[in-house]
Amino acid sequence: MLPTDSEMESAAPSCQLQRVSRIAATAFFALVACSLVSCSANHYRKAADQETFSMMFHKTPEVENVEDNNLKLEPVKELDLSSLKANGAAAGFLGKVSAEEKGAKTISLDRALELGISHSREYINEKERVFLTGLDLTLAQHQLAPIFSFDGRTSASSDSRAAAMTNIVATNTFHHTHSAGFRMLHRTGARLTADFTQDFLQFLSGNQSINDSALAVTLTQPLLKGGGTQVTMEALTQADRDLLYDLRDFANFRRTFIVGLVSDYYSVLQARDQVQNAWVAYDGFLRNVEREEALAEEDRRTMTELGQLRQATLLAESRWVNSIRNYQSRLDEFKITLGLPVSEKLVLEDKELGKLKIEPPGISRDEAVRVALVTRPDLATTADQIEDAERRIKVAKNGLLPGLDVSVRYDAVSNPNTSSAHVNYDRRNWATALDFDLPIDRKQERNQYRAAFIFLERAKRADSLAQDRVRLQIFDDWRAIDQAQRNYEIANQGVVLAARRLEEQKLL
């Protein structure tokens, strides 16, 4: 029985009020959701840090020379060198540059290492690289966890049309649809999905509503292609091993970074020492020129001899000037290595040179090679990558199998044309299906399978090459130690001879 005109007129304000209230409520909830999303951005960042660092810290016991504190990402603190002592009197052998070092901060080797670890851009980049690999691992683990979803859509519409010459009929509707569900991937390759959908439609004119609800649950298990724990877990397994490999690379980086930083520190001191030596030589030539000029006035030296001495003095001055420039460049490069501003006035501690010693390794060269082949983390990585290649062959072989999936589906819906949102479980449906895919076109899978063998051979060659490079590096380092020992002995003899000549020049 259709409502009368008076009933429709009386119901129109209430229907209009309901529509306005529903739209206002929808807008309110939308604003609340947006505010929650914006406020939770910081929460997402903290959650990502907590989960990623937890995975990284779980693996640090497997890697030497890496501890939990070495991996933390912290904001770079503002540079504070107030605790360092200021440089005193300027060094005269630096010439005009000596004014720049007056009052500069003097930094020891230990303090330089601390600054390098906390402020070096390269060091921070390496920590961030490991962290990004850890983030990838969290995503790979997430694929095997229940993943929930919720989405919806709300709309209001009005449709007006002329029913007669003077009457206009308006149809006002309010439509809301939302869906909630989850999906989960099991280690065996089984996929479980569940989805609940509700579709609500209300005709505001007449206050009529229709509510359709449906629940669907599906379980699918691959039996051949795509099935099995090894195939399903491959992405997670590789992501886990990639994190381990990056941690090993970071351990190697820490060693090379610290050794390189110490080497750069002594290189700067060596460059400064070369400036002093060049100045002593130049100053000696200046004194010789004064003496020879006095002798030339007494006709005891020829102008040719005096000219040659003056030419040698110019060359000594040039070497002195060049050594100053080299020292300044080394010092500025060292500041960049530490992550300090180039404009920062800095002087290295001269006393550190007195700590230098050449000590024998205490083992033979062959013993060093055997220890390196067992303890080097980069060699452990190349050996593990052979296992990765072998595992990929098995995964690629699975892709050649026929596709055979068995699935079970359960559906339940609400009663038709009803305003109730409840699902009527008596109106349910069970279905079982068997999907198959014959291996007629497996060109891509075939190529992947064949390429997997190539990658295995490459991994074996890379491991063999890495071992040979380690042997070569140890051989070269051993020769370098012998060479450094001999050069040190020669330099000591040279210092004794130079001191004797200097004494003779003073007596003259």
Protein backbone atom coordinates (compact mmCIF):
# COMPACT_ATOMS: atom_id res chain seq x y z
CA MET A 1 0.00 0.00 0.00
CA LEU A 2 1.56 3.28 -1.13
CA PRO A 3 1.78 6.18 1.30
CA THR A 4 -0.55 9.13 0.77
CA ASP A 5 0.61 12.60 -0.21
CA SER A 6 0.10 13.91 3.32
CA GLU A 7 2.16 11.05 4.76
CA MET A 8 4.91 11.71 2.28
CA GLU A 9 4.90 15.41 3.10
CA SER A 10 5.06 14.70 6.83
CA ALA A 11 7.83 12.12 6.34
CA ALA A 12 9.92 14.33 4.08
CA PRO A 13 11.40 16.54 6.84
CA SER A 14 12.29 13.53 8.97
CA CYS A 15 13.86 11.77 5.99
CA GLN A 16 15.78 14.89 5.11
CA LEU A 17 16.96 15.13 8.71
CA GLN A 18 18.07 11.50 8.65
CA ARG A 19 20.02 12.03 5.45
CA VAL A 20 21.75 15.12 6.85
CA SER A 21 22.59 13.31 10.08
CA ARG A 22 24.00 10.30 8.19
CA ILE A 23 26.14 12.51 5.97
CA ALA A 24 27.36 14.46 8.99
CA ALA A 25 28.20 11.26 10.83
CA THR A 26 30.05 9.91 7.81
CA ALA A 27 32.03 13.15 7.46
CA PHE A 28 32.83 13.09 11.16
CA PHE A 29 34.17 9.55 11.04
CA ALA A 30 36.17 10.39 7.92
CA LEU A 31 37.78 13.33 9.70
CA VAL A 32 38.52 11.19 12.74
CA ALA A 33 40.11 8.52 10.51
CA CYS A 34 42.26 11.10 8.74
CA SER A 35 43.41 12.57 12.04
CA LEU A 36 44.28 9.11 13.32
CA VAL A 37 46.31 8.39 10.20
CA SER A 38 48.26 11.64 10.51
CA CYS A 39 48.85 11.19 14.23
CA SER A 40 49.99 7.61 13.80
CA ALA A 41 52.79 8.44 11.33
CA ASN A 42 55.26 8.74 14.19
CA HIS A 43 53.91 5.48 15.62
CA TYR A 44 54.59 3.71 12.31
CA ARG A 45 58.15 4.99 12.31
CA LYS A 46 58.77 3.76 15.85
CA ALA A 47 57.18 0.40 15.09
CA ALA A 48 59.38 -0.02 12.00
CA ASP A 49 62.49 0.82 14.03
CA GLN A 50 61.56 -1.57 16.81
CA GLU A 51 60.83 -4.52 14.51
CA THR A 52 63.83 -3.94 12.25
CA PHE A 53 66.33 -3.47 15.04
CA SER A 54 64.95 -6.56 16.78
CA MET A 55 65.77 -8.65 13.70
CA MET A 56 69.19 -7.07 13.30
CA PHE A 57 70.09 -7.59 16.96
CA HIS A 58 68.97 -11.21 16.69
CA LYS A 59 71.65 -11.80 14.05
CA THR A 60 74.55 -9.83 15.51
CA PRO A 61 75.79 -12.81 17.59
CA GLU A 62 76.48 -14.60 14.29
CA VAL A 63 78.87 -11.87 13.09
CA GLU A 64 82.19 -10.92 14.68
CA ASN A 65 83.10 -7.26 15.21
CA VAL A 66 79.46 -6.11 15.21
CA GLU A 67 77.46 -5.35 18.33
CA ASP A 68 73.98 -3.98 18.86
CA ASN A 69 75.22 -0.48 19.69
CA ASN A 70 77.12 -0.34 16.40
CA LEU A 71 73.87 -0.56 14.40
CA LYS A 72 71.63 1.97 16.13
CA LEU A 73 70.49 4.88 13.98
CA GLU A 74 70.56 8.01 16.09
CA PRO A 75 70.33 11.66 15.07
CA VAL A 76 73.80 13.09 14.53
CA LYS A 77 74.65 15.18 17.56
CA GLU A 78 75.80 18.73 17.10
CA LEU A 79 79.56 18.93 16.90
CA ASP A 80 81.08 19.89 20.23
CA LEU A 81 84.85 20.28 20.42
CA SER A 82 84.87 22.43 23.55
CA SER A 83 86.49 19.65 25.57
CA LEU A 84 89.57 19.61 23.30
CA LYS A 85 92.55 21.67 24.33
CA ALA A 86 93.54 24.60 22.19
CA ASN A 87 96.82 24.64 20.30
CA GLY A 88 99.46 26.86 21.87
CA ALA A 89 102.28 28.60 20.07
CA ALA A 90 102.20 28.47 16.30
CA ALA A 91 104.83 26.42 14.46
CA GLY A 92 107.25 28.74 12.68
CA PHE A 93 108.11 26.23 9.98
CA LEU A 94 104.55 26.58 8.56
CA GLY A 95 105.15 30.15 7.51
CA LYS A 96 101.96 32.17 7.02
CA VAL A 97 99.85 29.06 7.62
CA SER A 98 101.00 28.96 11.24
CA ALA A 99 98.51 31.72 12.05
CA GLU A 100 95.63 29.38 11.14
CA GLU A 101 96.77 26.79 13.68
CA LYS A 102 97.08 29.20 16.56
CA GLY A 103 94.22 28.45 18.96
CA ALA A 104 92.99 25.50 16.89
CA LYS A 105 91.61 22.42 18.66
CA THR A 106 94.12 19.61 19.14
CA ILE A 107 92.62 16.18 18.52
CA SER A 108 94.13 12.88 19.59
CA LEU A 109 93.86 9.61 17.69
CA ASP A 110 91.30 8.14 20.10
CA ARG A 111 89.12 11.23 19.86
CA ALA A 112 89.39 11.15 16.07
CA LEU A 113 88.11 7.56 16.05
CA GLU A 114 85.15 8.55 18.23
CA LEU A 115 84.28 11.45 15.95
CA GLY A 116 84.63 9.29 12.84
CA ILE A 117 82.23 6.65 14.14
CA SER A 118 79.64 9.19 15.25
CA HIS A 119 79.90 11.82 12.48
CA SER A 120 81.38 10.17 9.38
CA ARG A 121 78.89 10.30 6.52
CA GLU A 122 80.25 7.09 5.02
CA TYR A 123 79.91 5.24 8.32
CA ILE A 124 76.31 6.42 8.81
CA ASN A 125 75.45 5.43 5.22
CA GLU A 126 76.66 1.89 5.88
CA LYS A 127 74.49 1.60 8.99
CA GLU A 128 71.49 2.84 7.03
CA ARG A 129 72.17 0.31 4.27
CA VAL A 130 71.99 -2.54 6.80
CA PHE A 131 68.82 -1.06 8.26
CA LEU A 132 67.14 -0.94 4.83
CA THR A 133 67.93 -4.63 4.33
CA GLY A 134 66.33 -5.30 7.70
CA LEU A 135 63.22 -3.42 6.54
CA ASP A 136 62.98 -5.73 3.52
CA LEU A 137 63.11 -8.71 5.87
CA THR A 138 60.19 -7.38 7.91
CA LEU A 139 58.12 -7.15 4.72
CA ALA A 140 59.04 -10.71 3.74
CA GLN A 141 57.93 -11.94 7.16
CA HIS A 142 54.74 -9.94 6.89
CA GLN A 143 53.70 -11.92 3.81
CA LEU A 144 53.36 -15.04 6.01
CA ALA A 145 51.30 -13.32 8.70
CA PRO A 146 47.52 -12.72 8.68
CA ILE A 147 46.94 -9.51 6.71
CA PHE A 148 43.69 -7.73 7.57
CA SER A 149 41.92 -5.18 5.39
CA PHE A 150 38.90 -2.89 5.63
CA ASP A 151 37.48 -0.57 3.01
CA GLY A 152 34.17 1.11 2.33
CA ARG A 153 32.26 3.71 0.39
CA THR A 154 29.42 6.02 1.40
CA SER A 155 27.32 8.11 -0.97
CA ALA A 156 24.10 10.11 -0.98
CA SER A 157 22.18 10.95 -4.14
CA SER A 158 18.98 12.68 -5.19
CA ASP A 159 17.09 11.96 -8.43
CA SER A 160 14.29 14.33 -9.46
CA ARG A 161 11.93 13.85 -12.41
CA ALA A 162 8.58 15.21 -13.56
CA ALA A 163 5.69 12.79 -12.96
CA ALA A 164 3.05 15.12 -14.37
CA MET A 165 2.70 18.67 -15.59
CA THR A 166 2.85 20.13 -12.10
CA ASN A 167 4.29 17.31 -9.94
CA ILE A 168 8.00 16.55 -9.43
CA VAL A 169 8.98 13.26 -7.84
CA ALA A 170 12.32 13.14 -6.01
CA THR A 171 14.08 9.92 -5.02
CA ASN A 172 16.66 10.41 -2.27
CA THR A 173 18.96 7.48 -1.47
CA PHE A 174 21.74 6.80 0.97
CA HIS A 175 24.19 4.04 -0.04
CA HIS A 176 26.95 2.55 2.11
CA THR A 177 29.21 -0.39 1.29
CA HIS A 178 32.03 -1.80 3.36
CA SER A 179 34.14 -4.91 3.25
CA ALA A 180 36.37 -6.48 5.89
CA GLY A 181 38.60 -9.49 5.51
CA PHE A 182 41.99 -11.06 5.87
CA ARG A 183 44.38 -13.24 3.91
CA MET A 184 47.17 -15.51 5.07
CA LEU A 185 49.85 -17.54 3.33
CA HIS A 186 50.93 -20.75 5.03
CA ARG A 187 54.42 -22.26 4.87
CA THR A 188 53.07 -25.07 2.67
CA GLY A 189 51.82 -22.59 0.07
CA ALA A 190 48.20 -22.75 1.21
CA ARG A 191 46.29 -19.48 0.85
CA LEU A 192 43.41 -18.68 3.20
CA THR A 193 41.16 -15.70 2.45
CA ALA A 194 38.05 -14.47 4.22
CA ASP A 195 35.82 -11.54 3.25
CA PHE A 196 32.69 -10.06 4.76
CA THR A 197 30.79 -7.54 2.61
CA GLN A 198 27.77 -5.48 3.57
CA ASP A 199 25.78 -3.37 1.12
CA PHE A 200 23.24 -0.99 2.68
CA LEU A 201 20.79 1.00 0.54
CA GLN A 202 18.11 3.30 2.01
CA PHE A 203 15.39 5.21 0.18
CA LEU A 204 14.93 8.29 2.33
CA SER A 205 11.54 8.98 0.74
CA GLY A 206 9.41 6.40 2.41
CA ASN A 207 12.21 5.32 4.77
CA GLN A 208 12.72 1.98 3.02
CA SER A 209 16.04 0.14 3.28
CA ILE A 210 17.70 -2.93 1.80
CA ASN A 211 20.67 -4.66 3.40
CA ASP A 212 22.70 -7.35 1.65
CA SER A 213 25.49 -9.14 3.51
CA ALA A 214 27.80 -11.92 2.39
CA LEU A 215 30.58 -13.96 4.00
CA ALA A 216 33.09 -15.87 1.86
CA VAL A 217 35.96 -18.07 3.06
CA THR A 218 38.34 -19.76 0.60
CA LEU A 219 41.23 -22.15 1.21
CA THR A 220 43.53 -23.01 -1.71
CA GLN A 221 46.45 -25.46 -1.57
CA PRO A 222 48.87 -25.92 -4.50
CA LEU A 223 49.82 -29.58 -4.79
CA LEU A 224 52.51 -29.40 -7.48
CA LYS A 225 53.68 -26.09 -8.92
CA GLY A 226 53.97 -23.42 -6.22
CA GLY A 227 53.49 -25.89 -3.40
CA GLY A 228 55.86 -26.94 -0.66
CA THR A 229 57.67 -25.21 2.16
CA GLN A 230 60.89 -24.54 0.25
CA VAL A 231 59.15 -22.70 -2.58
CA THR A 232 56.89 -20.70 -0.28
CA MET A 233 59.67 -19.74 2.12
CA GLU A 234 62.23 -18.84 -0.56
CA ALA A 235 61.62 -15.08 -0.42
CA LEU A 236 61.81 -15.03 3.38
CA THR A 237 64.88 -17.28 3.42
CA GLN A 238 66.76 -15.10 0.95
CA ALA A 239 65.77 -11.88 2.75
CA ASP A 240 67.04 -13.36 6.01
CA ARG A 241 70.36 -14.36 4.44
CA ASP A 242 70.70 -10.96 2.74
CA LEU A 243 70.56 -9.32 6.15
CA LEU A 244 73.27 -11.67 7.39
CA TYR A 245 75.42 -10.86 4.35
CA ASP A 246 75.03 -7.11 4.89
CA LEU A 247 75.97 -7.48 8.55
CA ARG A 248 79.15 -9.27 7.47
CA ASP A 249 79.86 -6.53 4.94
CA PHE A 250 79.36 -3.98 7.71
CA ALA A 251 81.84 -5.87 9.90
CA ASN A 252 84.40 -5.70 7.09
CA PHE A 253 83.63 -2.03 6.58
CA ARG A 254 84.20 -1.27 10.26
CA ARG A 255 87.65 -2.88 10.10
CA THR A 256 88.70 -1.08 6.95
CA PHE A 257 87.19 2.20 8.13
CA ILE A 258 89.05 2.20 11.44
CA VAL A 259 92.32 1.10 9.85
CA GLY A 260 91.92 3.70 7.12
CA LEU A 261 91.14 6.41 9.67
CA VAL A 262 94.28 5.60 11.65
CA SER A 263 96.31 5.56 8.44
CA ASP A 264 94.91 8.95 7.40
CA TYR A 265 95.70 10.36 10.84
CA TYR A 266 99.35 9.37 10.58
CA SER A 267 99.47 10.51 6.96
CA VAL A 268 98.51 14.02 8.06
CA LEU A 269 101.20 13.95 10.76
CA GLN A 270 103.68 12.67 8.20
CA ALA A 271 102.78 15.51 5.84
CA ARG A 272 103.28 17.99 8.68
CA ASP A 273 106.63 16.41 9.50
CA GLN A 274 107.64 16.72 5.84
CA VAL A 275 106.89 20.44 6.03
CA GLN A 276 109.26 20.77 8.98
CA ASN A 277 111.99 18.82 7.18
CA ALA A 278 111.54 20.94 4.06
CA TRP A 279 111.78 24.09 6.18
CA VAL A 280 114.96 22.94 7.89
CA ALA A 281 116.49 22.24 4.46
CA TYR A 282 115.36 25.60 3.10
CA ASP A 283 116.60 27.45 6.18
CA GLY A 284 119.95 25.71 5.87
CA PHE A 285 120.28 26.86 2.27
CA LEU A 286 119.49 30.43 3.32
CA ARG A 287 122.31 30.33 5.87
CA ASN A 288 124.66 28.83 3.30
CA VAL A 289 123.81 31.57 0.85
CA GLU A 290 124.64 34.24 3.44
CA ARG A 291 127.98 32.57 4.16
CA GLU A 292 128.82 32.07 0.48
CA GLU A 293 127.93 35.67 -0.32
CA ALA A 294 130.35 36.81 2.37
CA LEU A 295 133.04 34.54 0.93
CA ALA A 296 132.31 35.80 -2.59
CA GLU A 297 132.94 39.36 -1.43
CA GLU A 298 136.40 38.18 -0.34
CA ASP A 299 136.86 36.54 -3.77
CA ARG A 300 136.92 33.14 -2.14
CA ARG A 301 133.86 31.94 -4.11
CA THR A 302 133.04 32.36 -7.76
CA MET A 303 129.76 33.82 -8.97
CA THR A 304 129.01 30.52 -10.66
CA GLU A 305 129.22 28.64 -7.39
CA LEU A 306 127.11 31.31 -5.72
CA GLY A 307 124.51 31.13 -8.50
CA GLN A 308 124.25 27.35 -8.21
CA LEU A 309 123.66 27.67 -4.47
CA ARG A 310 120.99 30.29 -5.01
CA GLN A 311 119.28 28.01 -7.55
CA ALA A 312 119.33 25.15 -5.06
CA THR A 313 117.83 27.51 -2.47
CA LEU A 314 114.91 28.30 -4.80
CA LEU A 315 114.28 24.60 -5.32
CA ALA A 316 114.32 24.06 -1.55
CA GLU A 317 111.84 26.90 -1.11
CA SER A 318 109.59 25.36 -3.76
CA ARG A 319 109.64 21.99 -1.99
CA TRP A 320 108.78 23.72 1.27
CA VAL A 321 105.82 25.60 -0.25
CA ASN A 322 104.54 22.44 -1.94
CA SER A 323 104.81 20.46 1.30
CA ILE A 324 102.68 23.10 3.09
CA ARG A 325 99.99 22.82 0.44
CA ASN A 326 100.10 19.01 0.66
CA TYR A 327 99.73 19.18 4.44
CA GLN A 328 96.73 21.50 4.22
CA SER A 329 95.02 19.25 1.66
CA ARG A 330 95.61 16.12 3.75
CA LEU A 331 94.23 17.86 6.84
CA ASP A 332 91.09 19.06 5.01
CA GLU A 333 90.47 15.59 3.56
CA PHE A 334 90.83 14.13 7.05
CA LYS A 335 88.18 16.55 8.32
CA ILE A 336 85.78 15.34 5.63
CA THR A 337 86.51 11.72 6.58
CA LEU A 338 85.56 12.53 10.18
CA GLY A 339 82.41 14.31 9.03
CA LEU A 340 83.63 17.68 10.31
CA PRO A 341 83.32 21.03 8.51
CA VAL A 342 86.36 21.90 6.44
CA SER A 343 86.35 25.37 8.00
CA GLU A 344 86.91 23.89 11.48
CA LYS A 345 90.37 24.75 12.82
CA LEU A 346 92.01 21.49 13.79
CA VAL A 347 95.50 20.26 14.67
CA LEU A 348 96.53 16.65 15.21
CA GLU A 349 98.50 15.50 18.22
CA ASP A 350 102.23 15.29 17.38
CA LYS A 351 102.88 12.89 20.24
CA GLU A 352 101.03 10.13 18.40
CA LEU A 353 104.00 9.70 16.06
CA GLY A 354 106.12 8.52 18.98
CA LYS A 355 103.76 5.57 19.50
CA LEU A 356 104.44 4.09 16.07
CA LYS A 357 106.15 0.73 16.09
CA ILE A 358 106.72 -2.13 13.69
CA GLU A 359 105.90 -5.38 15.41
CA PRO A 360 106.15 -8.84 13.85
CA PRO A 361 102.77 -10.56 13.28
CA GLY A 362 103.75 -13.53 15.43
CA ILE A 363 102.61 -16.14 12.87
CA SER A 364 103.91 -17.33 9.55
CA ARG A 365 102.47 -16.33 6.23
CA ASP A 366 100.93 -19.76 5.59
CA GLU A 367 99.32 -19.74 9.02
CA ALA A 368 97.86 -16.32 8.30
CA VAL A 369 96.34 -17.64 5.09
CA ARG A 370 94.75 -20.60 6.88
CA VAL A 371 93.28 -18.34 9.57
CA ALA A 372 91.92 -15.88 7.00
CA LEU A 373 90.20 -18.61 4.98
CA VAL A 374 88.31 -19.66 8.10
CA THR A 375 87.55 -16.34 9.78
CA ARG A 376 87.02 -13.86 6.94
CA PRO A 377 83.30 -12.92 6.84
CA ASP A 378 83.39 -12.10 3.12
CA LEU A 379 84.55 -15.67 2.38
CA ALA A 380 81.72 -17.01 4.53
CA THR A 381 79.31 -14.98 2.40
CA THR A 382 80.63 -16.31 -0.93
CA ALA A 383 80.36 -19.87 0.42
CA ASP A 384 76.77 -19.28 1.55
CA GLN A 385 75.89 -17.82 -1.84
CA ILE A 386 76.69 -21.21 -3.37
CA GLU A 387 73.99 -22.69 -1.12
CA ASP A 388 71.63 -19.93 -2.27
CA ALA A 389 72.24 -20.85 -5.90
CA GLU A 390 71.64 -24.54 -5.20
CA ARG A 391 68.41 -23.71 -3.43
CA ARG A 392 67.22 -21.59 -6.36
CA ILE A 393 67.72 -24.54 -8.69
CA LYS A 394 65.22 -26.57 -6.65
CA VAL A 395 62.77 -23.65 -6.62
CA ALA A 396 63.11 -23.19 -10.38
CA LYS A 397 62.59 -26.91 -10.91
CA ASN A 398 59.29 -26.66 -9.08
CA GLY A 399 58.16 -24.09 -11.65
CA LEU A 400 58.35 -26.74 -14.38
CA LEU A 401 55.68 -28.91 -12.71
CA PRO A 402 52.03 -28.87 -13.78
CA GLY A 403 49.75 -26.58 -11.86
CA LEU A 404 47.35 -28.49 -9.60
CA ASP A 405 45.47 -26.54 -6.92
CA VAL A 406 42.68 -27.81 -4.73
CA SER A 407 40.37 -25.25 -3.12
CA VAL A 408 37.45 -25.22 -0.73
CA ARG A 409 34.99 -22.30 -0.58
CA TYR A 410 32.27 -21.47 1.92
CA ASP A 411 29.65 -18.75 1.23
CA ALA A 412 26.85 -17.42 3.38
CA VAL A 413 24.53 -14.52 2.53
CA SER A 414 21.71 -12.57 4.13
CA ASN A 415 18.05 -12.92 3.22
CA PRO A 416 17.15 -10.98 0.04
CA ASN A 417 15.48 -7.57 0.26
CA THR A 418 15.71 -7.32 4.01
CA SER A 419 16.82 -4.54 6.29
CA SER A 420 18.67 -6.88 8.62
CA ALA A 421 22.48 -6.85 8.46
CA HIS A 422 22.83 -10.37 9.80
CA VAL A 423 24.08 -13.22 7.64
CA ASN A 424 21.68 -16.10 7.35
CA TYR A 425 23.92 -19.11 7.79
CA ASP A 426 21.10 -21.37 6.62
CA ARG A 427 21.61 -19.82 3.16
CA ARG A 428 25.12 -21.21 2.78
CA ASN A 429 27.04 -22.82 -0.01
CA TRP A 430 30.00 -25.23 0.02
CA ALA A 431 32.15 -25.71 -3.06
CA THR A 432 35.25 -27.72 -3.81
CA ALA A 433 37.33 -27.14 -6.93
CA LEU A 434 40.37 -28.65 -8.56
CA ASP A 435 42.30 -26.33 -10.88
CA PHE A 436 45.01 -27.65 -13.15
CA ASP A 437 47.46 -26.09 -15.58
CA LEU A 438 49.19 -28.44 -17.98
CA PRO A 439 52.88 -27.60 -18.64
CA ILE A 440 52.34 -26.75 -22.29
CA ASP A 441 54.04 -23.33 -22.20
CA ARG A 442 56.97 -23.35 -19.79
CA LYS A 443 59.44 -21.31 -21.81
CA GLN A 444 59.97 -18.72 -19.08
CA GLU A 445 60.23 -21.38 -16.36
CA ARG A 446 62.60 -23.40 -18.54
CA ASN A 447 64.89 -20.42 -19.02
CA GLN A 448 64.83 -19.65 -15.30
CA TYR A 449 65.73 -23.24 -14.51
CA ARG A 450 68.64 -23.23 -16.95
CA ALA A 451 69.84 -19.83 -15.73
CA ALA A 452 69.87 -21.15 -12.15
CA PHE A 453 72.67 -23.57 -13.11
CA ILE A 454 74.64 -20.68 -14.60
CA PHE A 455 74.25 -18.72 -11.38
CA LEU A 456 75.49 -21.75 -9.42
CA GLU A 457 78.65 -21.97 -11.51
CA ARG A 458 79.18 -18.22 -11.13
CA ALA A 459 78.82 -18.51 -7.36
CA LYS A 460 81.43 -21.27 -7.26
CA ARG A 461 83.85 -19.23 -9.35
CA ALA A 462 83.22 -16.14 -7.22
CA ASP A 463 84.03 -18.15 -4.09
CA SER A 464 87.23 -19.51 -5.64
CA LEU A 465 88.24 -16.03 -6.81
CA ALA A 466 87.56 -14.56 -3.36
CA GLN A 467 89.82 -17.15 -1.74
CA ASP A 468 92.62 -16.43 -4.22
CA ARG A 469 92.27 -12.70 -3.65
CA VAL A 470 92.56 -13.24 0.09
CA ARG A 471 95.76 -15.23 -0.44
CA LEU A 472 97.11 -12.53 -2.75
CA GLN A 473 96.22 -9.80 -0.27
CA ILE A 474 98.01 -11.61 2.55
CA PHE A 475 101.06 -12.20 0.35
CA ASP A 476 101.17 -8.51 -0.59
CA ASP A 477 100.68 -7.42 3.01
CA TRP A 478 103.47 -9.74 4.09
CA ARG A 479 105.79 -8.21 1.53
CA ALA A 480 104.69 -4.75 2.65
CA ILE A 481 105.59 -5.59 6.25
CA ASP A 482 109.06 -6.73 5.19
CA GLN A 483 109.45 -3.63 3.04
CA ALA A 484 108.29 -1.34 5.84
CA GLN A 485 110.71 -2.99 8.27
CA ARG A 486 113.63 -2.44 5.90
CA ASN A 487 112.57 1.13 5.07
CA TYR A 488 112.33 1.87 8.77
CA GLU A 489 115.89 0.65 9.31
CA ILE A 490 117.14 2.69 6.35
CA ALA A 491 115.29 5.76 7.58
CA ASN A 492 116.88 5.41 11.02
CA GLN A 493 120.32 5.29 9.44
CA GLY A 494 119.42 8.29 7.33
CA VAL A 495 118.37 10.25 10.41
CA VAL A 496 121.73 9.50 12.07
CA LEU A 497 123.64 10.63 8.97
CA ALA A 498 121.50 13.74 8.59
CA ALA A 499 122.05 14.67 12.25
CA ARG A 500 125.81 14.28 11.77
CA ARG A 501 125.80 16.46 8.65
CA LEU A 502 123.70 19.07 10.42
CA GLU A 503 126.20 19.16 13.25
CA GLU A 504 129.03 19.60 10.75
CA GLN A 505 127.20 22.47 9.09
CA LYS A 506 126.73 24.14 12.43
CA LEU A 507 130.46 23.83 13.18
CA LEU A 508 131.29 25.37 9.80
